[in-house]
Amino acid sequence: MTKCTRGLEALRLLREASPPFHLVLSDVYMPDMDGYRLLEQLGLEMEVPVISTQPGLTGPCHAPSAGPAALRPRLTRAPAAQ
């Protein structure tokens, strides 16, 4: 297990990992790169399952870049690069 507190640090570690990581657990709120941007970047560069969470979420809510389901803890797969 590897722990990061910043999105850009996590992205760097994921890019450099050998062997690659099997799973990413990410918070929506991080300094320098939020969880949505991290998920988007991962989808462009690699295939890795991602669990995204938002602390304190108890019901539906909306974010500028995502619908209500995007803010609930979930297990998802980053979209494959085309």
C-alpha atoms as a PDB file:
ATOM      1  CA  MET A   1       0.000   0.000   0.000  1.00  0.00           C
ATOM      2  CA  THR A   2       1.242   3.479  -0.869  1.00  0.00           C
ATOM      3  CA  LYS A   3      -0.203   6.638   0.655  1.00  0.00           C
ATOM      4  CA  CYS A   4      -0.265  10.101  -0.958  1.00  0.00           C
ATOM      5  CA  THR A   5      -1.911  13.322   0.132  1.00  0.00           C
ATOM      6  CA  ARG A   6      -1.668  15.175  -3.183  1.00  0.00           C
ATOM      7  CA  GLY A   7      -3.187  14.291  -6.539  1.00  0.00           C
ATOM      8  CA  LEU A   8      -0.107  15.147  -8.606  1.00  0.00           C
ATOM      9  CA  GLU A   9       2.073  12.994  -6.348  1.00  0.00           C
ATOM     10  CA  ALA A  10      -0.347  10.092  -6.775  1.00  0.00           C
ATOM     11  CA  LEU A  11      -0.341  10.514 -10.555  1.00  0.00           C
ATOM     12  CA  ARG A  12       3.472  10.544 -10.620  1.00  0.00           C
ATOM     13  CA  LEU A  13       3.665   7.368  -8.515  1.00  0.00           C
ATOM     14  CA  LEU A  14       1.074   5.628 -10.681  1.00  0.00           C
ATOM     15  CA  ARG A  15       2.974   6.558 -13.852  1.00  0.00           C
ATOM     16  CA  GLU A  16       6.306   5.309 -12.467  1.00  0.00           C
ATOM     17  CA  ALA A  17       5.045   2.151 -10.742  1.00  0.00           C
ATOM     18  CA  SER A  18       6.594  -1.144 -11.720  1.00  0.00           C
ATOM     19  CA  PRO A  19       4.753  -3.404 -11.309  1.00  0.00           C
ATOM     20  CA  PRO A  20       1.629  -1.265 -11.756  1.00  0.00           C
ATOM     21  CA  PHE A  21      -0.842  -0.640  -8.956  1.00  0.00           C
ATOM     22  CA  HIS A  22      -3.919  -2.899  -8.832  1.00  0.00           C
ATOM     23  CA  LEU A  23      -6.318  -0.376  -7.271  1.00  0.00           C
ATOM     24  CA  VAL A  24      -6.572   3.340  -6.495  1.00  0.00           C
ATOM     25  CA  LEU A  25      -8.518   4.667  -3.497  1.00  0.00           C
ATOM     26  CA  SER A  26      -8.966   8.406  -3.966  1.00  0.00           C
ATOM     27  CA  ASP A  27     -10.660  11.218  -2.123  1.00  0.00           C
ATOM     28  CA  VAL A  28     -12.538  13.795  -4.179  1.00  0.00           C
ATOM     29  CA  TYR A  29     -10.845  16.623  -2.262  1.00  0.00           C
ATOM     30  CA  MET A  30      -7.050  16.807  -2.565  1.00  0.00           C
ATOM     31  CA  PRO A  31      -4.641  19.708  -2.911  1.00  0.00           C
ATOM     32  CA  ASP A  32      -3.315  20.539  -6.401  1.00  0.00           C
ATOM     33  CA  MET A  33      -5.529  18.058  -8.328  1.00  0.00           C
ATOM     34  CA  ASP A  34      -8.990  16.914  -7.261  1.00  0.00           C
ATOM     35  CA  GLY A  35     -10.206  13.340  -7.531  1.00  0.00           C
ATOM     36  CA  TYR A  36     -12.222  14.064 -10.679  1.00  0.00           C
ATOM     37  CA  ARG A  37      -9.160  15.302 -12.564  1.00  0.00           C
ATOM     38  CA  LEU A  38      -7.095  12.393 -11.272  1.00  0.00           C
ATOM     39  CA  LEU A  39      -9.733   9.948 -12.519  1.00  0.00           C
ATOM     40  CA  GLU A  40      -9.855  11.713 -15.888  1.00  0.00           C
ATOM     41  CA  GLN A  41      -6.060  11.582 -16.251  1.00  0.00           C
ATOM     42  CA  LEU A  42      -5.916   7.931 -15.225  1.00  0.00           C
ATOM     43  CA  GLY A  43      -8.515   7.131 -17.864  1.00  0.00           C
ATOM     44  CA  LEU A  44      -6.335   8.723 -20.536  1.00  0.00           C
ATOM     45  CA  GLU A  45      -3.149   6.946 -19.483  1.00  0.00           C
ATOM     46  CA  MET A  46      -3.903   3.559 -17.914  1.00  0.00           C
ATOM     47  CA  GLU A  47      -6.517   1.063 -16.869  1.00  0.00           C
ATOM     48  CA  VAL A  48      -6.791   0.786 -13.110  1.00  0.00           C
ATOM     49  CA  PRO A  49      -9.857   0.284 -10.888  1.00  0.00           C
ATOM     50  CA  VAL A  50     -10.621   3.403  -8.828  1.00  0.00           C
ATOM     51  CA  ILE A  51     -12.638   3.846  -5.629  1.00  0.00           C
ATOM     52  CA  SER A  52     -13.527   7.526  -5.183  1.00  0.00           C
ATOM     53  CA  THR A  53     -14.935   8.855  -1.925  1.00  0.00           C
ATOM     54  CA  GLN A  54     -16.150  12.127  -0.508  1.00  0.00           C
ATOM     55  CA  PRO A  55     -16.062  12.431   3.291  1.00  0.00           C
ATOM     56  CA  GLY A  56     -19.289  13.435   4.976  1.00  0.00           C
ATOM     57  CA  LEU A  57     -21.563  12.717   2.022  1.00  0.00           C
ATOM     58  CA  THR A  58     -24.916  11.458   3.288  1.00  0.00           C
ATOM     59  CA  GLY A  59     -27.199  12.096   0.330  1.00  0.00           C
ATOM     60  CA  PRO A  60     -27.301  13.193  -3.291  1.00  0.00           C
ATOM     61  CA  CYS A  61     -25.384  16.307  -4.225  1.00  0.00           C
ATOM     62  CA  HIS A  62     -24.077  17.890  -7.400  1.00  0.00           C
ATOM     63  CA  ALA A  63     -20.652  18.987  -8.595  1.00  0.00           C
ATOM     64  CA  PRO A  64     -19.901  21.167 -11.610  1.00  0.00           C
ATOM     65  CA  SER A  65     -18.229  18.312 -13.495  1.00  0.00           C
ATOM     66  CA  ALA A  66     -20.280  15.334 -12.353  1.00  0.00           C
ATOM     67  CA  GLY A  67     -23.785  14.126 -11.609  1.00  0.00           C
ATOM     68  CA  PRO A  68     -25.081  13.083  -8.173  1.00  0.00           C
ATOM     69  CA  ALA A  69     -23.822   9.487  -8.409  1.00  0.00           C
ATOM     70  CA  ALA A  70     -20.254  10.669  -9.028  1.00  0.00           C
ATOM     71  CA  LEU A  71     -19.930  11.961  -5.478  1.00  0.00           C
ATOM     72  CA  ARG A  72     -21.005   8.780  -3.742  1.00  0.00           C
ATOM     73  CA  PRO A  73     -18.322   6.272  -2.847  1.00  0.00           C
ATOM     74  CA  ARG A  74     -18.083   3.886  -5.744  1.00  0.00           C
ATOM     75  CA  LEU A  75     -15.919   1.288  -7.416  1.00  0.00           C
ATOM     76  CA  THR A  76     -15.401   2.183 -11.020  1.00  0.00           C
ATOM     77  CA  ARG A  77     -12.999   1.536 -13.813  1.00  0.00           C
ATOM     78  CA  ALA A  78     -11.319   4.481 -15.489  1.00  0.00           C
ATOM     79  CA  PRO A  79     -12.358   4.709 -19.144  1.00  0.00           C
ATOM     80  CA  ALA A  80      -9.860   3.153 -21.549  1.00  0.00           C
ATOM     81  CA  ALA A  81      -7.880   5.500 -23.778  1.00  0.00           C
ATOM     82  CA  GLN A  82      -9.186   5.564 -27.319  1.00  0.00           C
END
